Each structure stands twice: as structure tokens, then as C-alpha cells.
Amino acid sequence: LPGIDDSKTPDPLVIGDGYRSDALVLLILNDKTGTMQTLSISRDTITEVDMYDNKGDYIRSAEMQINMQYAFGDSPLRSQYLTKKTVSELICGRRINGCLSVLMSGIPTIGELMGGLTLTMNEDYTYIDARYEQGVTLTLNGEELERMLRYRDITEQGSNEQRLARQEWLMRELFTAVGTSRQSLAEKLLNEAGDYIASDLDADTIAKISQYSLDPEGLSLPGRSVSGEHHDEFYVDEEALQELLLEIFYDPA
């Protein structure tokens, strides 16, 4: 589930100048329990990214931030395919069955279709807005919701990890707010905000997924964030990742 940063228009003549993933969240479904867990992946994660030219021909692979992989596709579905492949390789080859991406510019429209999102601030977010004190309950409209999702102090090292935790929390709140109307809301969003949403999943599958109960404890890719030459860089703790994947996917039965 990537959130796509479309704040600038890509130059089709520049290789890798396409839209980039602003947020990456893996949804892990448990059919036995009907529950779903989130695994957040920092956009700054350094990994092998496959590079393609503007004809779609493979150039080479290079280590860079994982959010760049989406930029090397020549269409949303191609970008999704490449992102699924790279994320799958990052998590030791676990298969990813589908992908749904949302343009960040569509968040205001999606928020308005939902009638806003009522939140009780779980932390102090006054660095975004003076009203966002911990414990205060507010209904955020579409534009406010976009700002809450996107805000990042680029002068602060590791600020993307703060944003990632905020995005995890907002996703859990979204599922709670939708409640029993998930299926009808999924259909409404696809019908009325379809210009901002791309997926290789059909509407029935998306509606079915939305019926899973979301585990309140979100997971994050283990590792550490360091200040790179131009951007923050997140390096995965491979040993901790192996332990996490065993915990998530190993079924002794």
C-alpha cells in the first residue's frame, strides 16, 4: 500500500524522475483469525532498486532509497509491480499478492468523501498545528488530513520515522472510523476518487480486505536511521528482520 508523492510533475525525458512512494505499508492478512497487521517500511530504506530507462528497458540495479523504485515504472501498474518485487526481495522473498496506491493529492477528496476523520490526538502534534495537543479530539477535513499525513521537518534527522509512526496511527484510526460500513465506503472511494487510486486488485477483493479486523499494534521494519549525504538513510537490521518474519509468518501447525 504505497502513498504516492505527486507534488511535482515528472519529466518524461529524465530517467527515474517519476512519482516516488511517500509511504509504504505492507498489509499482512491472517485468514484463520480474520485479522490484519501492518508492517511499515521507511521510504528512506536503502536497498537494491532496479533502474529502467524511458523505454522500459532494464539498465542496472543500484543501492538507493526504496521510494525510488516506484519512479522507474512507466505506468501506475508497472510501478506497482516493480515496488512489489523490491519489497518482496527486502523481506526475504515473501510473496506480495496485490498493491493499491493512492496519490497524496487525492487525500483531500478522500477525506471529504468520508466526511472528515475524527481523531483524539494520541501524542502532542503541536509542531504541525497548535490545536493538535495530546488528548484533544478534532475532526480533520480533507486538507488537514493530508497535512497530518505528509508533514515532515526535513531539517530534523529521522523525522521520516516520526511521520511513519503517525501514518500508522492514522491508518488504524481510519479502519476504526469506517466500522461496519467498510464495504460501501470502499466502493464509494473507488467510484468517486478513482482518479487518485490505482490497484491490481479488483473492487470485490478490496472490499473483502477491508472486512478484516486491524491489529492495533502496528509493526515497523527493524533498523536504524542515519543522516546521509543528501537525505536520511534507513538501514535494515537483517538479523532482527529474520526474527520478525518468523514471528509473523511461521505457523507450527
C-alpha atoms as a PDB file:
ATOM      1  CA  LEU A   1       0.000   0.000   0.000  1.00  0.00           C
ATOM      2  CA  PRO A   2       2.115   2.954  -1.208  1.00  0.00           C
ATOM      3  CA  GLY A   3       1.122   6.579  -0.788  1.00  0.00           C
ATOM      4  CA  ILE A   4       2.488   8.379  -3.841  1.00  0.00           C
ATOM      5  CA  ASP A   5       4.079  11.832  -3.672  1.00  0.00           C
ATOM      6  CA  ASP A   6       2.781  13.656  -6.750  1.00  0.00           C
ATOM      7  CA  SER A   7       3.706  17.160  -5.613  1.00  0.00           C
ATOM      8  CA  LYS A   8       5.813  17.762  -8.735  1.00  0.00           C
ATOM      9  CA  THR A   9       5.283  16.874 -12.394  1.00  0.00           C
ATOM     10  CA  PRO A  10       7.782  14.242 -13.590  1.00  0.00           C
ATOM     11  CA  ASP A  11       9.974  14.988 -16.605  1.00  0.00           C
ATOM     12  CA  PRO A  12       9.405  12.078 -19.034  1.00  0.00           C
ATOM     13  CA  LEU A  13      12.825  12.651 -20.569  1.00  0.00           C
ATOM     14  CA  VAL A  14      14.672  12.158 -17.279  1.00  0.00           C
ATOM     15  CA  ILE A  15      15.235   8.554 -16.212  1.00  0.00           C
ATOM     16  CA  GLY A  16      13.830   7.854 -12.736  1.00  0.00           C
ATOM     17  CA  ASP A  17      12.017  11.194 -12.485  1.00  0.00           C
ATOM     18  CA  GLY A  18       8.595   9.605 -11.961  1.00  0.00           C
ATOM     19  CA  TYR A  19       6.470   9.791  -8.836  1.00  0.00           C
ATOM     20  CA  ARG A  20       8.006   8.313  -5.685  1.00  0.00           C
ATOM     21  CA  SER A  21       6.478   6.415  -2.778  1.00  0.00           C
ATOM     22  CA  ASP A  22       5.902   8.740   0.157  1.00  0.00           C
ATOM     23  CA  ALA A  23       4.729   5.932   2.433  1.00  0.00           C
ATOM     24  CA  LEU A  24       4.924   2.144   2.180  1.00  0.00           C
ATOM     25  CA  VAL A  25       2.764  -0.095   4.353  1.00  0.00           C
ATOM     26  CA  LEU A  26       2.529  -3.871   3.966  1.00  0.00           C
ATOM     27  CA  LEU A  27      -0.823  -5.366   4.980  1.00  0.00           C
ATOM     28  CA  ILE A  28      -0.457  -8.893   6.387  1.00  0.00           C
ATOM     29  CA  LEU A  29      -3.719 -10.860   6.390  1.00  0.00           C
ATOM     30  CA  ASN A  30      -4.437 -13.815   8.653  1.00  0.00           C
ATOM     31  CA  ASP A  31      -7.279 -15.839   7.114  1.00  0.00           C
ATOM     32  CA  LYS A  32      -7.571 -18.063  10.199  1.00  0.00           C
ATOM     33  CA  THR A  33      -8.276 -15.196  12.574  1.00  0.00           C
ATOM     34  CA  GLY A  34      -9.739 -12.642  10.137  1.00  0.00           C
ATOM     35  CA  THR A  35      -7.216 -10.090  11.350  1.00  0.00           C
ATOM     36  CA  MET A  36      -4.779  -7.802   9.564  1.00  0.00           C
ATOM     37  CA  GLN A  37      -1.470  -6.403  10.732  1.00  0.00           C
ATOM     38  CA  THR A  38       0.520  -3.535   9.257  1.00  0.00           C
ATOM     39  CA  LEU A  39       4.251  -3.538   8.614  1.00  0.00           C
ATOM     40  CA  SER A  40       5.543  -0.060   7.846  1.00  0.00           C
ATOM     41  CA  ILE A  41       8.589   0.337   5.637  1.00  0.00           C
ATOM     42  CA  SER A  42      10.530   3.575   5.776  1.00  0.00           C
ATOM     43  CA  ARG A  43      10.712   5.354   2.420  1.00  0.00           C
ATOM     44  CA  ASP A  44      14.374   6.010   3.293  1.00  0.00           C
ATOM     45  CA  THR A  45      15.231   2.279   3.430  1.00  0.00           C
ATOM     46  CA  ILE A  46      18.439   1.620   1.483  1.00  0.00           C
ATOM     47  CA  THR A  47      18.116  -1.435  -0.748  1.00  0.00           C
ATOM     48  CA  GLU A  48      18.759  -2.694  -4.286  1.00  0.00           C
ATOM     49  CA  VAL A  49      16.497  -0.790  -6.702  1.00  0.00           C
ATOM     50  CA  ASP A  50      16.055  -1.866 -10.327  1.00  0.00           C
ATOM     51  CA  MET A  51      16.561   1.004 -12.758  1.00  0.00           C
ATOM     52  CA  TYR A  52      14.806   1.226 -16.153  1.00  0.00           C
ATOM     53  CA  ASP A  53      15.067   3.721 -18.981  1.00  0.00           C
ATOM     54  CA  ASN A  54      12.115   5.569 -20.529  1.00  0.00           C
ATOM     55  CA  LYS A  55      11.535   2.692 -22.969  1.00  0.00           C
ATOM     56  CA  GLY A  56      11.069   0.303 -20.073  1.00  0.00           C
ATOM     57  CA  ASP A  57      14.397  -1.446 -20.685  1.00  0.00           C
ATOM     58  CA  TYR A  58      16.417  -2.569 -17.675  1.00  0.00           C
ATOM     59  CA  ILE A  59      19.581  -0.535 -17.044  1.00  0.00           C
ATOM     60  CA  ARG A  60      21.081  -1.872 -13.823  1.00  0.00           C
ATOM     61  CA  SER A  61      20.421  -2.227 -10.104  1.00  0.00           C
ATOM     62  CA  ALA A  62      21.854   0.132  -7.509  1.00  0.00           C
ATOM     63  CA  GLU A  63      21.569   0.799  -3.805  1.00  0.00           C
ATOM     64  CA  MET A  64      19.281   3.732  -3.097  1.00  0.00           C
ATOM     65  CA  GLN A  65      16.163   4.679  -1.119  1.00  0.00           C
ATOM     66  CA  ILE A  66      13.334   2.228  -1.701  1.00  0.00           C
ATOM     67  CA  ASN A  67      10.880   5.038  -2.512  1.00  0.00           C
ATOM     68  CA  MET A  68      12.745   5.484  -5.820  1.00  0.00           C
ATOM     69  CA  GLN A  69      11.573   2.121  -7.168  1.00  0.00           C
ATOM     70  CA  TYR A  70       8.093   3.446  -7.990  1.00  0.00           C
ATOM     71  CA  ALA A  71       9.672   6.195 -10.093  1.00  0.00           C
ATOM     72  CA  PHE A  72      11.146   3.723 -12.608  1.00  0.00           C
ATOM     73  CA  GLY A  73       7.758   2.479 -13.819  1.00  0.00           C
ATOM     74  CA  ASP A  74       6.142   3.961 -16.933  1.00  0.00           C
ATOM     75  CA  SER A  75       2.599   3.476 -15.587  1.00  0.00           C
ATOM     76  CA  PRO A  76       0.971   3.057 -12.150  1.00  0.00           C
ATOM     77  CA  LEU A  77       0.574  -0.717 -12.613  1.00  0.00           C
ATOM     78  CA  ARG A  78       4.179  -1.107 -13.793  1.00  0.00           C
ATOM     79  CA  SER A  79       5.388   0.993 -10.846  1.00  0.00           C
ATOM     80  CA  GLN A  80       3.320  -1.164  -8.501  1.00  0.00           C
ATOM     81  CA  TYR A  81       4.793  -4.348  -9.977  1.00  0.00           C
ATOM     82  CA  LEU A  82       8.346  -3.059  -9.523  1.00  0.00           C
ATOM     83  CA  THR A  83       7.611  -1.907  -5.971  1.00  0.00           C
ATOM     84  CA  LYS A  84       6.069  -5.261  -5.026  1.00  0.00           C
ATOM     85  CA  LYS A  85       9.141  -7.059  -6.410  1.00  0.00           C
ATOM     86  CA  THR A  86      11.583  -4.866  -4.491  1.00  0.00           C
ATOM     87  CA  VAL A  87       9.637  -5.030  -1.215  1.00  0.00           C
ATOM     88  CA  SER A  88       9.349  -8.820  -1.626  1.00  0.00           C
ATOM     89  CA  GLU A  89      13.120  -9.100  -2.020  1.00  0.00           C
ATOM     90  CA  LEU A  90      13.582  -6.862   1.015  1.00  0.00           C
ATOM     91  CA  ILE A  91      11.516  -9.236   3.169  1.00  0.00           C
ATOM     92  CA  CYS A  92      13.366 -12.364   2.063  1.00  0.00           C
ATOM     93  CA  GLY A  93      11.172 -13.276  -0.889  1.00  0.00           C
ATOM     94  CA  ARG A  94       7.776 -13.333   0.793  1.00  0.00           C
ATOM     95  CA  ARG A  95       5.125 -13.111  -1.907  1.00  0.00           C
ATOM     96  CA  ILE A  96       3.065  -9.919  -2.136  1.00  0.00           C
ATOM     97  CA  ASN A  97      -0.337 -10.638  -3.644  1.00  0.00           C
ATOM     98  CA  GLY A  98      -1.504  -7.172  -4.596  1.00  0.00           C
ATOM     99  CA  CYS A  99      -0.926  -3.461  -4.388  1.00  0.00           C
ATOM    100  CA  LEU A 100      -3.061  -0.357  -4.005  1.00  0.00           C
ATOM    101  CA  SER A 101      -1.505   3.080  -4.391  1.00  0.00           C
ATOM    102  CA  VAL A 102      -3.027   6.435  -3.525  1.00  0.00           C
ATOM    103  CA  LEU A 103      -1.858   9.796  -4.834  1.00  0.00           C
ATOM    104  CA  MET A 104      -1.277  12.125  -1.909  1.00  0.00           C
ATOM    105  CA  SER A 105      -3.029  14.929  -3.815  1.00  0.00           C
ATOM    106  CA  GLY A 106      -6.193  12.829  -3.562  1.00  0.00           C
ATOM    107  CA  ILE A 107      -6.234  12.769   0.240  1.00  0.00           C
ATOM    108  CA  PRO A 108      -8.391  15.947   0.498  1.00  0.00           C
ATOM    109  CA  THR A 109     -11.012  14.410  -1.824  1.00  0.00           C
ATOM    110  CA  ILE A 110     -10.929  11.077   0.003  1.00  0.00           C
ATOM    111  CA  GLY A 111     -11.186  12.864   3.347  1.00  0.00           C
ATOM    112  CA  GLU A 112     -14.206  14.852   2.190  1.00  0.00           C
ATOM    113  CA  LEU A 113     -15.937  11.704   0.888  1.00  0.00           C
ATOM    114  CA  MET A 114     -15.507  10.246   4.368  1.00  0.00           C
ATOM    115  CA  GLY A 115     -16.960  13.374   5.961  1.00  0.00           C
ATOM    116  CA  GLY A 116     -13.636  14.102   7.640  1.00  0.00           C
ATOM    117  CA  LEU A 117     -11.894  11.940  10.218  1.00  0.00           C
ATOM    118  CA  THR A 118     -12.492  12.450  13.945  1.00  0.00           C
ATOM    119  CA  LEU A 119      -9.341  11.849  15.961  1.00  0.00           C
ATOM    120  CA  THR A 120      -8.295  12.009  19.583  1.00  0.00           C
ATOM    121  CA  MET A 121      -4.641  13.007  19.381  1.00  0.00           C
ATOM    122  CA  ASN A 122      -2.557  10.135  20.730  1.00  0.00           C
ATOM    123  CA  GLU A 123       0.529  12.328  21.014  1.00  0.00           C
ATOM    124  CA  ASP A 124       1.450  16.009  21.021  1.00  0.00           C
ATOM    125  CA  TYR A 125       1.423  17.170  17.394  1.00  0.00           C
ATOM    126  CA  THR A 126       1.544  20.897  18.060  1.00  0.00           C
ATOM    127  CA  TYR A 127       4.642  21.057  15.854  1.00  0.00           C
ATOM    128  CA  ILE A 128       2.152  20.584  12.982  1.00  0.00           C
ATOM    129  CA  ASP A 129      -0.733  22.687  14.317  1.00  0.00           C
ATOM    130  CA  ALA A 130      -1.183  24.443  17.672  1.00  0.00           C
ATOM    131  CA  ARG A 131      -4.588  22.754  18.073  1.00  0.00           C
ATOM    132  CA  TYR A 132      -3.162  19.241  17.934  1.00  0.00           C
ATOM    133  CA  GLU A 133      -2.492  18.802  21.644  1.00  0.00           C
ATOM    134  CA  GLN A 134      -2.368  15.299  23.071  1.00  0.00           C
ATOM    135  CA  GLY A 135      -5.822  14.155  24.210  1.00  0.00           C
ATOM    136  CA  VAL A 136      -7.739  16.769  22.195  1.00  0.00           C
ATOM    137  CA  THR A 137     -10.493  15.432  19.899  1.00  0.00           C
ATOM    138  CA  LEU A 138     -10.847  17.097  16.498  1.00  0.00           C
ATOM    139  CA  THR A 139     -12.425  16.317  13.148  1.00  0.00           C
ATOM    140  CA  LEU A 140      -9.908  16.882  10.371  1.00  0.00           C
ATOM    141  CA  ASN A 141     -11.186  17.781   6.922  1.00  0.00           C
ATOM    142  CA  GLY A 142      -9.513  16.584   3.751  1.00  0.00           C
ATOM    143  CA  GLU A 143      -6.774  19.213   3.525  1.00  0.00           C
ATOM    144  CA  GLU A 144      -5.976  18.957   7.243  1.00  0.00           C
ATOM    145  CA  LEU A 145      -5.784  15.189   6.948  1.00  0.00           C
ATOM    146  CA  GLU A 146      -3.334  15.498   4.048  1.00  0.00           C
ATOM    147  CA  ARG A 147      -1.150  17.848   6.069  1.00  0.00           C
ATOM    148  CA  MET A 148      -1.245  15.465   9.035  1.00  0.00           C
ATOM    149  CA  LEU A 149      -0.120  12.626   6.786  1.00  0.00           C
ATOM    150  CA  ARG A 150       2.553  14.491   4.853  1.00  0.00           C
ATOM    151  CA  TYR A 151       4.129  16.897   7.340  1.00  0.00           C
ATOM    152  CA  ARG A 152       7.830  16.362   7.888  1.00  0.00           C
ATOM    153  CA  ASP A 153      10.544  18.647   9.243  1.00  0.00           C
ATOM    154  CA  ILE A 154      13.262  17.963   6.666  1.00  0.00           C
ATOM    155  CA  THR A 155      15.822  19.786   8.845  1.00  0.00           C
ATOM    156  CA  GLU A 156      15.439  17.164  11.579  1.00  0.00           C
ATOM    157  CA  GLN A 157      17.330  13.883  11.187  1.00  0.00           C
ATOM    158  CA  GLY A 158      14.991  10.888  11.492  1.00  0.00           C
ATOM    159  CA  SER A 159      11.839  12.973  11.022  1.00  0.00           C
ATOM    160  CA  ASN A 160      10.509  10.471   8.493  1.00  0.00           C
ATOM    161  CA  GLU A 161      10.317   7.831  11.238  1.00  0.00           C
ATOM    162  CA  GLN A 162       8.067  10.180  13.225  1.00  0.00           C
ATOM    163  CA  ARG A 163       5.882  10.661  10.155  1.00  0.00           C
ATOM    164  CA  LEU A 164       5.775   6.921   9.518  1.00  0.00           C
ATOM    165  CA  ALA A 165       4.540   6.279  13.066  1.00  0.00           C
ATOM    166  CA  ARG A 166       1.911   8.992  12.574  1.00  0.00           C
ATOM    167  CA  GLN A 167       0.769   7.419   9.308  1.00  0.00           C
ATOM    168  CA  GLU A 168       0.455   4.011  11.019  1.00  0.00           C
ATOM    169  CA  TRP A 169      -1.716   5.553  13.730  1.00  0.00           C
ATOM    170  CA  LEU A 170      -3.899   7.365  11.204  1.00  0.00           C
ATOM    171  CA  MET A 171      -4.445   4.144   9.266  1.00  0.00           C
ATOM    172  CA  ARG A 172      -5.619   2.344  12.410  1.00  0.00           C
ATOM    173  CA  GLU A 173      -7.935   5.241  13.228  1.00  0.00           C
ATOM    174  CA  LEU A 174      -9.309   5.137   9.679  1.00  0.00           C
ATOM    175  CA  PHE A 175     -10.246   1.474   9.946  1.00  0.00           C
ATOM    176  CA  THR A 176     -11.880   2.058  13.317  1.00  0.00           C
ATOM    177  CA  ALA A 177     -13.875   5.021  11.990  1.00  0.00           C
ATOM    178  CA  VAL A 178     -15.127   3.187   8.932  1.00  0.00           C
ATOM    179  CA  GLY A 179     -16.527   0.387  11.100  1.00  0.00           C
ATOM    180  CA  THR A 180     -19.334  -1.712   9.651  1.00  0.00           C
ATOM    181  CA  SER A 181     -19.671   0.498   6.556  1.00  0.00           C
ATOM    182  CA  ARG A 182     -16.281  -0.537   5.176  1.00  0.00           C
ATOM    183  CA  GLN A 183     -17.586  -2.293   2.089  1.00  0.00           C
ATOM    184  CA  SER A 184     -19.868   0.510   0.947  1.00  0.00           C
ATOM    185  CA  LEU A 185     -17.159   3.071   1.674  1.00  0.00           C
ATOM    186  CA  ALA A 186     -14.609   1.074  -0.337  1.00  0.00           C
ATOM    187  CA  GLU A 187     -16.976   1.084  -3.298  1.00  0.00           C
ATOM    188  CA  LYS A 188     -17.688   4.791  -2.873  1.00  0.00           C
ATOM    189  CA  LEU A 189     -14.000   5.682  -2.769  1.00  0.00           C
ATOM    190  CA  LEU A 190     -13.236   3.617  -5.861  1.00  0.00           C
ATOM    191  CA  ASN A 191     -16.161   5.167  -7.741  1.00  0.00           C
ATOM    192  CA  GLU A 192     -15.707   8.801  -6.698  1.00  0.00           C
ATOM    193  CA  ALA A 193     -11.974   9.059  -6.025  1.00  0.00           C
ATOM    194  CA  GLY A 194     -10.807   6.574  -8.640  1.00  0.00           C
ATOM    195  CA  ASP A 195      -8.609   9.149 -10.374  1.00  0.00           C
ATOM    196  CA  TYR A 196      -6.351   9.116  -7.316  1.00  0.00           C
ATOM    197  CA  ILE A 197      -6.304   5.358  -6.737  1.00  0.00           C
ATOM    198  CA  ALA A 198      -4.601   2.608  -8.734  1.00  0.00           C
ATOM    199  CA  SER A 199      -4.626  -1.090  -7.910  1.00  0.00           C
ATOM    200  CA  ASP A 200      -4.055  -4.519  -9.396  1.00  0.00           C
ATOM    201  CA  LEU A 201      -6.822  -5.764  -7.059  1.00  0.00           C
ATOM    202  CA  ASP A 202     -10.480  -5.772  -8.072  1.00  0.00           C
ATOM    203  CA  ALA A 203     -13.164  -3.950  -6.086  1.00  0.00           C
ATOM    204  CA  ASP A 204     -14.516  -7.162  -4.518  1.00  0.00           C
ATOM    205  CA  THR A 205     -11.083  -8.105  -3.194  1.00  0.00           C
ATOM    206  CA  ILE A 206     -10.503  -4.624  -1.777  1.00  0.00           C
ATOM    207  CA  ALA A 207     -13.902  -4.710  -0.086  1.00  0.00           C
ATOM    208  CA  LYS A 208     -13.122  -8.161   1.357  1.00  0.00           C
ATOM    209  CA  ILE A 209      -9.784  -6.990   2.729  1.00  0.00           C
ATOM    210  CA  SER A 210     -11.494  -4.047   4.412  1.00  0.00           C
ATOM    211  CA  GLN A 211     -13.577  -6.504   6.441  1.00  0.00           C
ATOM    212  CA  TYR A 212     -10.534  -7.820   8.309  1.00  0.00           C
ATOM    213  CA  SER A 213     -10.073  -6.540  11.855  1.00  0.00           C
ATOM    214  CA  LEU A 214      -6.969  -4.392  12.147  1.00  0.00           C
ATOM    215  CA  ASP A 215      -4.488  -5.338  14.854  1.00  0.00           C
ATOM    216  CA  PRO A 216      -3.959  -2.201  16.967  1.00  0.00           C
ATOM    217  CA  GLU A 217      -0.246  -2.967  17.251  1.00  0.00           C
ATOM    218  CA  GLY A 218       1.427  -1.907  14.034  1.00  0.00           C
ATOM    219  CA  LEU A 219       4.886  -3.255  13.154  1.00  0.00           C
ATOM    220  CA  SER A 220       7.846  -1.450  11.640  1.00  0.00           C
ATOM    221  CA  LEU A 221      10.836  -2.688   9.711  1.00  0.00           C
ATOM    222  CA  PRO A 222      13.691  -3.001  12.248  1.00  0.00           C
ATOM    223  CA  GLY A 223      16.781  -0.915  11.652  1.00  0.00           C
ATOM    224  CA  ARG A 224      18.341   2.469  12.190  1.00  0.00           C
ATOM    225  CA  SER A 225      18.162   5.871  10.537  1.00  0.00           C
ATOM    226  CA  VAL A 226      21.334   7.830   9.814  1.00  0.00           C
ATOM    227  CA  SER A 227      21.993  11.165   8.174  1.00  0.00           C
ATOM    228  CA  GLY A 228      23.193  10.595   4.605  1.00  0.00           C
ATOM    229  CA  GLU A 229      24.991  12.993   2.279  1.00  0.00           C
ATOM    230  CA  HIS A 230      21.741  14.367   0.862  1.00  0.00           C
ATOM    231  CA  HIS A 231      18.900  12.575   2.695  1.00  0.00           C
ATOM    232  CA  ASP A 232      18.232  10.432   5.732  1.00  0.00           C
ATOM    233  CA  GLU A 233      19.064   6.784   5.126  1.00  0.00           C
ATOM    234  CA  PHE A 234      17.441   3.816   6.886  1.00  0.00           C
ATOM    235  CA  TYR A 235      19.411   0.571   7.175  1.00  0.00           C
ATOM    236  CA  VAL A 236      17.603  -2.676   7.948  1.00  0.00           C
ATOM    237  CA  ASP A 237      18.766  -4.837  10.843  1.00  0.00           C
ATOM    238  CA  GLU A 238      18.854  -8.135   8.926  1.00  0.00           C
ATOM    239  CA  GLU A 239      19.033 -10.382  11.995  1.00  0.00           C
ATOM    240  CA  ALA A 240      16.110  -8.617  13.667  1.00  0.00           C
ATOM    241  CA  LEU A 241      14.178  -8.754  10.381  1.00  0.00           C
ATOM    242  CA  GLN A 242      14.636 -12.535  10.157  1.00  0.00           C
ATOM    243  CA  GLU A 243      13.269 -12.889  13.701  1.00  0.00           C
ATOM    244  CA  LEU A 244      10.327 -10.603  12.908  1.00  0.00           C
ATOM    245  CA  LEU A 245       9.422 -12.521   9.735  1.00  0.00           C
ATOM    246  CA  LEU A 246       9.497 -15.825  11.629  1.00  0.00           C
ATOM    247  CA  GLU A 247       7.228 -14.322  14.263  1.00  0.00           C
ATOM    248  CA  ILE A 248       4.781 -13.079  11.623  1.00  0.00           C
ATOM    249  CA  PHE A 249       4.699 -15.925   9.109  1.00  0.00           C
ATOM    250  CA  TYR A 250       5.809 -19.112  10.885  1.00  0.00           C
ATOM    251  CA  ASP A 251       2.862 -21.407  11.571  1.00  0.00           C
ATOM    252  CA  PRO A 252       3.888 -24.517  13.581  1.00  0.00           C
ATOM    253  CA  ALA A 253       0.570 -26.163  12.634  1.00  0.00           C
END
